[in-house]
Amino acid sequence: DERLKKIPDDLDLKPYRDYHDYDLLQRMDRALTRSSTPRTMASKAFR
């Protein structure tokens, strides 16, 4: 889904980890690296 662009910086990732959703985590990571993503949305700890 192309609408997956703006991810909260402190979102708990346990649901995606326990669900073994590797591809979705990859997509979330790509969303954070886009130039349009605010710097605050891609904190070092979250990344």
All heavy atoms as atom14 arrays in JSON, in Angstrom:
{
  "sequence": "DERLKKIPDDLDLKPYRDYHDYDLLQRMDRALTRSSTPRTMASKAFR",
  "atom14_mask": [
    [1, 1, 1, 1, 1, 1, 1, 1, 0, 0, 0, 0, 0, 0],
    [1, 1, 1, 1, 1, 1, 1, 1, 1, 0, 0, 0, 0, 0],
    [1, 1, 1, 1, 1, 1, 1, 1, 1, 1, 1, 0, 0, 0],
    [1, 1, 1, 1, 1, 1, 1, 1, 0, 0, 0, 0, 0, 0],
    [1, 1, 1, 1, 1, 1, 1, 1, 1, 0, 0, 0, 0, 0],
    [1, 1, 1, 1, 1, 1, 1, 1, 1, 0, 0, 0, 0, 0],
    [1, 1, 1, 1, 1, 1, 1, 1, 0, 0, 0, 0, 0, 0],
    [1, 1, 1, 1, 1, 1, 1, 0, 0, 0, 0, 0, 0, 0],
    [1, 1, 1, 1, 1, 1, 1, 1, 0, 0, 0, 0, 0, 0],
    [1, 1, 1, 1, 1, 1, 1, 1, 0, 0, 0, 0, 0, 0],
    [1, 1, 1, 1, 1, 1, 1, 1, 0, 0, 0, 0, 0, 0],
    [1, 1, 1, 1, 1, 1, 1, 1, 0, 0, 0, 0, 0, 0],
    [1, 1, 1, 1, 1, 1, 1, 1, 0, 0, 0, 0, 0, 0],
    [1, 1, 1, 1, 1, 1, 1, 1, 1, 0, 0, 0, 0, 0],
    [1, 1, 1, 1, 1, 1, 1, 0, 0, 0, 0, 0, 0, 0],
    [1, 1, 1, 1, 1, 1, 1, 1, 1, 1, 1, 1, 0, 0],
    [1, 1, 1, 1, 1, 1, 1, 1, 1, 1, 1, 0, 0, 0],
    [1, 1, 1, 1, 1, 1, 1, 1, 0, 0, 0, 0, 0, 0],
    [1, 1, 1, 1, 1, 1, 1, 1, 1, 1, 1, 1, 0, 0],
    [1, 1, 1, 1, 1, 1, 1, 1, 1, 1, 0, 0, 0, 0],
    [1, 1, 1, 1, 1, 1, 1, 1, 0, 0, 0, 0, 0, 0],
    [1, 1, 1, 1, 1, 1, 1, 1, 1, 1, 1, 1, 0, 0],
    [1, 1, 1, 1, 1, 1, 1, 1, 0, 0, 0, 0, 0, 0],
    [1, 1, 1, 1, 1, 1, 1, 1, 0, 0, 0, 0, 0, 0],
    [1, 1, 1, 1, 1, 1, 1, 1, 0, 0, 0, 0, 0, 0],
    [1, 1, 1, 1, 1, 1, 1, 1, 1, 0, 0, 0, 0, 0],
    [1, 1, 1, 1, 1, 1, 1, 1, 1, 1, 1, 0, 0, 0],
    [1, 1, 1, 1, 1, 1, 1, 1, 0, 0, 0, 0, 0, 0],
    [1, 1, 1, 1, 1, 1, 1, 1, 0, 0, 0, 0, 0, 0],
    [1, 1, 1, 1, 1, 1, 1, 1, 1, 1, 1, 0, 0, 0],
    [1, 1, 1, 1, 1, 0, 0, 0, 0, 0, 0, 0, 0, 0],
    [1, 1, 1, 1, 1, 1, 1, 1, 0, 0, 0, 0, 0, 0],
    [1, 1, 1, 1, 1, 1, 1, 0, 0, 0, 0, 0, 0, 0],
    [1, 1, 1, 1, 1, 1, 1, 1, 1, 1, 1, 0, 0, 0],
    [1, 1, 1, 1, 1, 1, 0, 0, 0, 0, 0, 0, 0, 0],
    [1, 1, 1, 1, 1, 1, 0, 0, 0, 0, 0, 0, 0, 0],
    [1, 1, 1, 1, 1, 1, 1, 0, 0, 0, 0, 0, 0, 0],
    [1, 1, 1, 1, 1, 1, 1, 0, 0, 0, 0, 0, 0, 0],
    [1, 1, 1, 1, 1, 1, 1, 1, 1, 1, 1, 0, 0, 0],
    [1, 1, 1, 1, 1, 1, 1, 0, 0, 0, 0, 0, 0, 0],
    [1, 1, 1, 1, 1, 1, 1, 1, 0, 0, 0, 0, 0, 0],
    [1, 1, 1, 1, 1, 0, 0, 0, 0, 0, 0, 0, 0, 0],
    [1, 1, 1, 1, 1, 1, 0, 0, 0, 0, 0, 0, 0, 0],
    [1, 1, 1, 1, 1, 1, 1, 1, 1, 0, 0, 0, 0, 0],
    [1, 1, 1, 1, 1, 0, 0, 0, 0, 0, 0, 0, 0, 0],
    [1, 1, 1, 1, 1, 1, 1, 1, 1, 1, 1, 0, 0, 0],
    [1, 1, 1, 1, 1, 1, 1, 1, 1, 1, 1, 0, 0, 0]
  ],
  "atom14_positions": [
    [[0.82, -1.2, 0.0], [0.0, 0.0, 0.0], [0.86, 1.25, 0.0], [1.68, 1.46, 0.89], [-0.91, -0.01, 1.24], [-2.09, 0.94, 1.1], [-1.89, 2.04, 0.57], [-3.19, 0.56, 1.51], [0.0, 0.0, 0.0], [0.0, 0.0, 0.0], [0.0, 0.0, 0.0], [0.0, 0.0, 0.0], [0.0, 0.0, 0.0], [0.0, 0.0, 0.0]],
    [[0.66, 2.1, -0.99], [1.46, 3.31, -1.11], [1.11, 4.35, -0.05], [1.8, 5.36, 0.09], [1.27, 3.92, -2.5], [1.9, 3.11, -3.61], [3.39, 2.91, -3.4], [4.06, 3.85, -2.95], [3.88, 1.8, -3.67], [0.0, 0.0, 0.0], [0.0, 0.0, 0.0], [0.0, 0.0, 0.0], [0.0, 0.0, 0.0], [0.0, 0.0, 0.0]],
    [[0.02, 4.14, 0.68], [-0.35, 5.11, 1.71], [0.47, 4.95, 2.99], [0.34, 5.74, 3.91], [-1.84, 4.98, 2.04], [-2.77, 5.35, 0.9], [-4.21, 5.03, 1.25], [-4.37, 3.61, 1.49], [-5.5, 3.07, 1.98], [-6.51, 3.84, 2.29], [-5.59, 1.77, 2.17], [0.0, 0.0, 0.0], [0.0, 0.0, 0.0], [0.0, 0.0, 0.0]],
    [[1.28, 3.93, 3.06], [2.1, 3.69, 4.25], [3.35, 4.56, 4.18], [4.4, 4.15, 3.69], [2.49, 2.22, 4.32], [3.18, 1.75, 5.61], [2.29, 2.02, 6.81], [3.51, 0.28, 5.52], [0.0, 0.0, 0.0], [0.0, 0.0, 0.0], [0.0, 0.0, 0.0], [0.0, 0.0, 0.0], [0.0, 0.0, 0.0], [0.0, 0.0, 0.0]],
    [[3.23, 5.8, 4.64], [4.3, 6.77, 4.48], [4.7, 7.46, 5.79], [5.84, 7.87, 5.95], [3.88, 7.86, 3.48], [3.63, 7.34, 2.07], [3.17, 8.45, 1.15], [2.94, 7.93, -0.26], [2.45, 8.99, -1.17], [0.0, 0.0, 0.0], [0.0, 0.0, 0.0], [0.0, 0.0, 0.0], [0.0, 0.0, 0.0], [0.0, 0.0, 0.0]],
    [[3.77, 7.61, 6.68], [4.0, 8.42, 7.88], [3.86, 7.55, 9.12], [2.76, 7.33, 9.63], [3.01, 9.59, 7.9], [3.3, 10.64, 8.96], [2.27, 11.75, 8.88], [2.54, 12.81, 9.94], [1.5, 13.87, 9.95], [0.0, 0.0, 0.0], [0.0, 0.0, 0.0], [0.0, 0.0, 0.0], [0.0, 0.0, 0.0], [0.0, 0.0, 0.0]],
    [[4.98, 7.04, 9.62], [4.99, 6.11, 10.75], [5.34, 6.86, 12.03], [6.31, 7.62, 12.06], [6.01, 4.99, 10.54], [5.85, 4.36, 9.15], [5.9, 3.93, 11.63], [4.53, 3.69, 8.94], [0.0, 0.0, 0.0], [0.0, 0.0, 0.0], [0.0, 0.0, 0.0], [0.0, 0.0, 0.0], [0.0, 0.0, 0.0], [0.0, 0.0, 0.0]],
    [[4.6, 6.67, 13.12], [4.96, 7.35, 14.38], [6.29, 6.87, 14.92], [6.63, 5.69, 14.82], [3.8, 7.0, 15.32], [3.12, 5.85, 14.71], [3.35, 5.9, 13.25], [0.0, 0.0, 0.0], [0.0, 0.0, 0.0], [0.0, 0.0, 0.0], [0.0, 0.0, 0.0], [0.0, 0.0, 0.0], [0.0, 0.0, 0.0], [0.0, 0.0, 0.0]],
    [[7.0, 7.78, 15.51], [8.37, 7.51, 15.98], [8.42, 6.52, 17.12], [9.41, 5.81, 17.29], [9.0, 8.84, 16.39], [10.46, 8.7, 16.76], [11.17, 8.01, 16.02], [10.87, 9.27, 17.77], [0.0, 0.0, 0.0], [0.0, 0.0, 0.0], [0.0, 0.0, 0.0], [0.0, 0.0, 0.0], [0.0, 0.0, 0.0], [0.0, 0.0, 0.0]],
    [[7.37, 6.46, 17.92], [7.4, 5.6, 19.11], [6.41, 4.43, 19.0], [6.0, 3.86, 20.01], [7.09, 6.42, 20.36], [5.71, 7.07, 20.32], [5.1, 7.11, 19.22], [5.25, 7.54, 21.38], [0.0, 0.0, 0.0], [0.0, 0.0, 0.0], [0.0, 0.0, 0.0], [0.0, 0.0, 0.0], [0.0, 0.0, 0.0], [0.0, 0.0, 0.0]],
    [[6.02, 4.06, 17.79], [5.08, 2.96, 17.61], [5.68, 1.66, 18.14], [6.82, 1.32, 17.85], [4.76, 2.8, 16.12], [3.75, 1.7, 15.75], [2.37, 2.03, 16.33], [3.68, 1.54, 14.23], [0.0, 0.0, 0.0], [0.0, 0.0, 0.0], [0.0, 0.0, 0.0], [0.0, 0.0, 0.0], [0.0, 0.0, 0.0], [0.0, 0.0, 0.0]],
    [[4.91, 0.93, 18.93], [5.37, -0.35, 19.47], [5.36, -1.37, 18.32], [4.32, -1.62, 17.71], [4.42, -0.79, 20.59], [4.97, -1.99, 21.37], [5.85, -2.69, 20.85], [4.5, -2.2, 22.5], [0.0, 0.0, 0.0], [0.0, 0.0, 0.0], [0.0, 0.0, 0.0], [0.0, 0.0, 0.0], [0.0, 0.0, 0.0], [0.0, 0.0, 0.0]],
    [[6.51, -1.99, 18.07], [6.64, -2.92, 16.95], [6.37, -4.37, 17.34], [6.46, -5.26, 16.49], [8.04, -2.81, 16.35], [8.43, -1.45, 15.78], [9.85, -1.47, 15.27], [7.47, -1.02, 14.69], [0.0, 0.0, 0.0], [0.0, 0.0, 0.0], [0.0, 0.0, 0.0], [0.0, 0.0, 0.0], [0.0, 0.0, 0.0], [0.0, 0.0, 0.0]],
    [[6.04, -4.62, 18.59], [5.84, -6.0, 19.03], [4.78, -6.74, 18.21], [4.99, -7.92, 17.87], [5.46, -6.04, 20.51], [5.32, -7.47, 21.06], [5.08, -7.47, 22.55], [4.82, -8.87, 23.08], [5.96, -9.78, 22.86], [0.0, 0.0, 0.0], [0.0, 0.0, 0.0], [0.0, 0.0, 0.0], [0.0, 0.0, 0.0], [0.0, 0.0, 0.0]],
    [[3.64, -6.12, 17.86], [2.67, -6.86, 17.04], [3.25, -7.36, 15.73], [2.97, -8.49, 15.32], [1.56, -5.83, 16.81], [1.65, -4.92, 17.98], [3.12, -4.81, 18.27], [0.0, 0.0, 0.0], [0.0, 0.0, 0.0], [0.0, 0.0, 0.0], [0.0, 0.0, 0.0], [0.0, 0.0, 0.0], [0.0, 0.0, 0.0], [0.0, 0.0, 0.0]],
    [[4.07, -6.56, 15.08], [4.63, -6.96, 13.78], [5.74, -7.98, 13.97], [5.93, -8.86, 13.14], [5.14, -5.72, 13.04], [4.18, -4.56, 13.17], [4.51, -3.43, 13.92], [2.91, -4.62, 12.6], [3.61, -2.38, 14.06], [2.01, -3.58, 12.75], [2.36, -2.47, 13.48], [1.47, -1.45, 13.63], [0.0, 0.0, 0.0], [0.0, 0.0, 0.0]],
    [[6.47, -7.87, 15.07], [7.52, -8.83, 15.37], [6.92, -10.19, 15.7], [7.31, -11.21, 15.14], [8.36, -8.33, 16.54], [9.48, -9.29, 16.95], [10.04, -8.9, 18.3], [9.05, -9.1, 19.35], [9.16, -8.62, 20.59], [10.2, -7.87, 20.92], [8.23, -8.85, 21.5], [0.0, 0.0, 0.0], [0.0, 0.0, 0.0], [0.0, 0.0, 0.0]],
    [[5.94, -10.21, 16.62], [5.35, -11.47, 17.03], [4.54, -12.11, 15.91], [4.35, -13.33, 15.89], [4.45, -11.28, 18.25], [5.25, -11.06, 19.52], [6.5, -11.06, 19.44], [4.64, -10.88, 20.59], [0.0, 0.0, 0.0], [0.0, 0.0, 0.0], [0.0, 0.0, 0.0], [0.0, 0.0, 0.0], [0.0, 0.0, 0.0], [0.0, 0.0, 0.0]],
    [[4.07, -11.3, 14.98], [3.33, -11.83, 13.84], [4.27, -12.26, 12.73], [3.85, -12.74, 11.69], [2.36, -10.75, 13.32], [1.24, -11.3, 12.48], [0.26, -12.12, 13.04], [1.14, -11.0, 11.13], [-0.77, -12.62, 12.28], [0.11, -11.5, 10.36], [-0.85, -12.31, 10.94], [-1.87, -12.81, 10.19], [0.0, 0.0, 0.0], [0.0, 0.0, 0.0]],
    [[5.58, -12.07, 12.93], [6.61, -12.42, 11.95], [6.35, -11.76, 10.6], [6.46, -12.39, 9.55], [6.69, -13.95, 11.79], [7.12, -14.64, 13.03], [8.42, -14.58, 13.51], [6.43, -15.38, 13.93], [8.5, -15.28, 14.64], [7.31, -15.76, 14.92], [0.0, 0.0, 0.0], [0.0, 0.0, 0.0], [0.0, 0.0, 0.0], [0.0, 0.0, 0.0]],
    [[6.02, -10.48, 10.66], [5.7, -9.74, 9.44], [6.95, -9.01, 8.94], [7.06, -7.8, 9.01], [4.56, -8.75, 9.71], [3.73, -8.5, 8.46], [4.27, -8.71, 7.36], [2.57, -8.11, 8.58], [0.0, 0.0, 0.0], [0.0, 0.0, 0.0], [0.0, 0.0, 0.0], [0.0, 0.0, 0.0], [0.0, 0.0, 0.0], [0.0, 0.0, 0.0]],
    [[7.89, -9.78, 8.44], [9.17, -9.24, 7.98], [8.99, -8.22, 6.86], [9.59, -7.15, 6.86], [10.05, -10.4, 7.51], [11.36, -9.99, 6.89], [12.38, -9.48, 7.67], [11.59, -10.16, 5.52], [13.6, -9.11, 7.11], [12.8, -9.8, 4.96], [13.8, -9.28, 5.76], [14.99, -8.92, 5.2], [0.0, 0.0, 0.0], [0.0, 0.0, 0.0]],
    [[8.16, -8.55, 5.88], [7.98, -7.65, 4.74], [7.38, -6.31, 5.15], [7.75, -5.27, 4.62], [7.08, -8.31, 3.68], [7.78, -9.47, 2.99], [9.02, -9.47, 2.98], [7.08, -10.37, 2.49], [0.0, 0.0, 0.0], [0.0, 0.0, 0.0], [0.0, 0.0, 0.0], [0.0, 0.0, 0.0], [0.0, 0.0, 0.0], [0.0, 0.0, 0.0]],
    [[6.46, -6.34, 6.09], [5.85, -5.1, 6.54], [6.87, -4.24, 7.28], [6.92, -3.02, 7.11], [4.65, -5.39, 7.45], [3.9, -4.16, 7.99], [3.48, -3.24, 6.86], [2.69, -4.59, 8.79], [0.0, 0.0, 0.0], [0.0, 0.0, 0.0], [0.0, 0.0, 0.0], [0.0, 0.0, 0.0], [0.0, 0.0, 0.0], [0.0, 0.0, 0.0]],
    [[7.72, -4.84, 8.09], [8.76, -4.09, 8.77], [9.73, -3.46, 7.76], [10.17, -2.32, 7.94], [9.52, -4.99, 9.74], [8.78, -5.35, 11.03], [9.53, -6.42, 11.79], [8.57, -4.13, 11.9], [0.0, 0.0, 0.0], [0.0, 0.0, 0.0], [0.0, 0.0, 0.0], [0.0, 0.0, 0.0], [0.0, 0.0, 0.0], [0.0, 0.0, 0.0]],
    [[10.01, -4.17, 6.7], [10.85, -3.61, 5.64], [10.19, -2.38, 5.03], [10.84, -1.37, 4.77], [11.12, -4.65, 4.56], [12.14, -5.7, 4.91], [12.43, -6.59, 3.73], [11.53, -7.13, 3.1], [13.7, -6.75, 3.41], [0.0, 0.0, 0.0], [0.0, 0.0, 0.0], [0.0, 0.0, 0.0], [0.0, 0.0, 0.0], [0.0, 0.0, 0.0]],
    [[8.92, -2.49, 4.8], [8.17, -1.38, 4.19], [8.16, -0.16, 5.13], [8.3, 0.97, 4.7], [6.75, -1.82, 3.9], [5.85, -0.73, 3.38], [5.45, -1.01, 1.96], [4.61, 0.07, 1.47], [4.88, 0.76, 0.38], [5.97, 0.5, -0.32], [4.09, 1.72, -0.01], [0.0, 0.0, 0.0], [0.0, 0.0, 0.0], [0.0, 0.0, 0.0]],
    [[7.98, -0.42, 6.42], [7.99, 0.67, 7.39], [9.36, 1.34, 7.41], [9.46, 2.57, 7.51], [7.63, 0.13, 8.78], [6.19, -0.35, 8.88], [5.86, -1.35, 10.36], [6.01, -0.1, 11.63], [0.0, 0.0, 0.0], [0.0, 0.0, 0.0], [0.0, 0.0, 0.0], [0.0, 0.0, 0.0], [0.0, 0.0, 0.0], [0.0, 0.0, 0.0]],
    [[10.41, 0.54, 7.29], [11.76, 1.11, 7.28], [11.96, 1.98, 6.05], [12.54, 3.07, 6.14], [12.79, -0.02, 7.29], [14.22, 0.5, 7.36], [14.53, 1.19, 8.34], [15.0, 0.24, 6.43], [0.0, 0.0, 0.0], [0.0, 0.0, 0.0], [0.0, 0.0, 0.0], [0.0, 0.0, 0.0], [0.0, 0.0, 0.0], [0.0, 0.0, 0.0]],
    [[11.47, 1.53, 4.9], [11.6, 2.34, 3.68], [10.82, 3.64, 3.8], [11.23, 4.68, 3.31], [11.11, 1.54, 2.46], [12.05, 0.43, 2.05], [11.74, -0.06, 0.64], [10.43, -0.68, 0.54], [10.21, -1.96, 0.74], [11.21, -2.77, 1.09], [9.0, -2.46, 0.61], [0.0, 0.0, 0.0], [0.0, 0.0, 0.0], [0.0, 0.0, 0.0]],
    [[9.66, 3.58, 4.49], [8.86, 4.79, 4.67], [9.63, 5.83, 5.5], [9.55, 7.03, 5.24], [7.54, 4.46, 5.37], [0.0, 0.0, 0.0], [0.0, 0.0, 0.0], [0.0, 0.0, 0.0], [0.0, 0.0, 0.0], [0.0, 0.0, 0.0], [0.0, 0.0, 0.0], [0.0, 0.0, 0.0], [0.0, 0.0, 0.0], [0.0, 0.0, 0.0]],
    [[10.41, 5.36, 6.46], [11.17, 6.28, 7.31], [12.37, 6.89, 6.59], [12.86, 7.94, 6.98], [11.65, 5.55, 8.55], [10.57, 5.19, 9.58], [11.16, 4.33, 10.68], [9.96, 6.45, 10.17], [0.0, 0.0, 0.0], [0.0, 0.0, 0.0], [0.0, 0.0, 0.0], [0.0, 0.0, 0.0], [0.0, 0.0, 0.0], [0.0, 0.0, 0.0]],
    [[12.84, 6.24, 5.54], [14.02, 6.75, 4.84], [13.67, 7.7, 3.7], [14.57, 8.31, 3.12], [14.85, 5.59, 4.25], [14.04, 4.86, 3.32], [15.33, 4.66, 5.35], [0.0, 0.0, 0.0], [0.0, 0.0, 0.0], [0.0, 0.0, 0.0], [0.0, 0.0, 0.0], [0.0, 0.0, 0.0], [0.0, 0.0, 0.0], [0.0, 0.0, 0.0]],
    [[12.39, 7.84, 3.39], [12.01, 8.76, 2.32], [12.36, 10.19, 2.71], [12.28, 10.59, 3.86], [10.5, 8.66, 2.04], [10.07, 7.36, 1.41], [8.66, 7.5, 0.87], [8.2, 6.25, 0.31], [7.38, 5.41, 0.94], [6.97, 5.7, 2.15], [7.0, 4.29, 0.37], [0.0, 0.0, 0.0], [0.0, 0.0, 0.0], [0.0, 0.0, 0.0]],
    [[12.7, 10.94, 1.71], [13.08, 12.33, 1.97], [11.93, 13.15, 2.53], [12.13, 14.15, 3.2], [13.58, 12.98, 0.67], [12.58, 12.92, -0.34], [0.0, 0.0, 0.0], [0.0, 0.0, 0.0], [0.0, 0.0, 0.0], [0.0, 0.0, 0.0], [0.0, 0.0, 0.0], [0.0, 0.0, 0.0], [0.0, 0.0, 0.0], [0.0, 0.0, 0.0]],
    [[10.69, 12.71, 2.24], [9.52, 13.46, 2.71], [9.21, 13.19, 4.18], [8.39, 13.87, 4.79], [8.29, 13.1, 1.87], [8.02, 11.71, 1.96], [0.0, 0.0, 0.0], [0.0, 0.0, 0.0], [0.0, 0.0, 0.0], [0.0, 0.0, 0.0], [0.0, 0.0, 0.0], [0.0, 0.0, 0.0], [0.0, 0.0, 0.0], [0.0, 0.0, 0.0]],
    [[9.86, 12.19, 4.75], [9.61, 11.87, 6.16], [10.33, 12.86, 7.06], [11.53, 13.07, 6.93], [10.12, 10.45, 6.49], [9.47, 9.52, 5.63], [9.81, 10.09, 7.94], [0.0, 0.0, 0.0], [0.0, 0.0, 0.0], [0.0, 0.0, 0.0], [0.0, 0.0, 0.0], [0.0, 0.0, 0.0], [0.0, 0.0, 0.0], [0.0, 0.0, 0.0]],
    [[9.6, 13.5, 7.97], [10.24, 14.46, 8.87], [11.37, 13.8, 9.66], [11.3, 12.62, 9.99], [9.1, 14.89, 9.81], [7.85, 14.58, 9.05], [8.16, 13.38, 8.21], [0.0, 0.0, 0.0], [0.0, 0.0, 0.0], [0.0, 0.0, 0.0], [0.0, 0.0, 0.0], [0.0, 0.0, 0.0], [0.0, 0.0, 0.0], [0.0, 0.0, 0.0]],
    [[12.39, 14.57, 9.97], [13.54, 14.03, 10.71], [13.11, 13.43, 12.04], [13.65, 12.41, 12.48], [14.55, 15.16, 10.94], [15.86, 14.71, 11.59], [16.76, 15.9, 11.81], [17.12, 16.53, 10.55], [18.17, 16.19, 9.81], [18.95, 15.22, 10.22], [18.42, 16.81, 8.69], [0.0, 0.0, 0.0], [0.0, 0.0, 0.0], [0.0, 0.0, 0.0]],
    [[12.11, 14.04, 12.69], [11.68, 13.53, 13.99], [11.0, 12.18, 13.88], [10.86, 11.48, 14.87], [10.7, 14.52, 14.65], [9.6, 14.75, 13.76], [11.38, 15.83, 14.96], [0.0, 0.0, 0.0], [0.0, 0.0, 0.0], [0.0, 0.0, 0.0], [0.0, 0.0, 0.0], [0.0, 0.0, 0.0], [0.0, 0.0, 0.0], [0.0, 0.0, 0.0]],
    [[10.56, 11.81, 12.67], [9.87, 10.54, 12.5], [10.86, 9.39, 12.35], [10.46, 8.24, 12.27], [8.97, 10.61, 11.27], [7.89, 11.68, 11.32], [6.88, 11.5, 12.78], [6.18, 9.91, 12.45], [0.0, 0.0, 0.0], [0.0, 0.0, 0.0], [0.0, 0.0, 0.0], [0.0, 0.0, 0.0], [0.0, 0.0, 0.0], [0.0, 0.0, 0.0]],
    [[12.12, 9.68, 12.25], [13.11, 8.63, 12.02], [14.21, 8.68, 13.07], [15.38, 8.8, 12.76], [13.69, 8.78, 10.62], [0.0, 0.0, 0.0], [0.0, 0.0, 0.0], [0.0, 0.0, 0.0], [0.0, 0.0, 0.0], [0.0, 0.0, 0.0], [0.0, 0.0, 0.0], [0.0, 0.0, 0.0], [0.0, 0.0, 0.0], [0.0, 0.0, 0.0]],
    [[13.82, 8.6, 14.32], [14.8, 8.67, 15.38], [15.75, 7.5, 15.31], [15.41, 6.42, 14.8], [14.1, 8.69, 16.75], [13.61, 7.41, 17.06], [0.0, 0.0, 0.0], [0.0, 0.0, 0.0], [0.0, 0.0, 0.0], [0.0, 0.0, 0.0], [0.0, 0.0, 0.0], [0.0, 0.0, 0.0], [0.0, 0.0, 0.0], [0.0, 0.0, 0.0]],
    [[16.93, 7.68, 15.83], [17.96, 6.65, 15.8], [17.5, 5.39, 16.54], [17.71, 4.26, 16.08], [19.25, 7.19, 16.4], [20.41, 6.22, 16.34], [21.67, 6.86, 16.89], [22.85, 5.89, 16.82], [24.09, 6.51, 17.35], [0.0, 0.0, 0.0], [0.0, 0.0, 0.0], [0.0, 0.0, 0.0], [0.0, 0.0, 0.0], [0.0, 0.0, 0.0]],
    [[16.84, 5.58, 17.68], [16.4, 4.44, 18.48], [15.35, 3.61, 17.74], [15.4, 2.37, 17.73], [15.83, 4.93, 19.81], [0.0, 0.0, 0.0], [0.0, 0.0, 0.0], [0.0, 0.0, 0.0], [0.0, 0.0, 0.0], [0.0, 0.0, 0.0], [0.0, 0.0, 0.0], [0.0, 0.0, 0.0], [0.0, 0.0, 0.0], [0.0, 0.0, 0.0]],
    [[14.41, 4.31, 17.09], [13.35, 3.6, 16.38], [13.91, 2.86, 15.17], [13.57, 1.71, 14.91], [12.28, 4.59, 15.95], [11.05, 3.93, 15.35], [10.29, 3.06, 16.09], [10.67, 4.2, 14.05], [9.16, 2.46, 15.56], [9.55, 3.61, 13.5], [8.79, 2.74, 14.25], [0.0, 0.0, 0.0], [0.0, 0.0, 0.0], [0.0, 0.0, 0.0]],
    [[14.81, 3.51, 14.44], [15.43, 2.87, 13.29], [16.25, 1.65, 13.72], [16.27, 0.64, 13.04], [16.32, 3.87, 12.55], [15.58, 4.99, 11.84], [14.74, 4.45, 10.7], [15.53, 3.63, 9.78], [16.32, 4.13, 8.84], [16.42, 5.44, 8.68], [17.0, 3.33, 8.04], [0.0, 0.0, 0.0], [0.0, 0.0, 0.0], [0.0, 0.0, 0.0]]
  ]
}
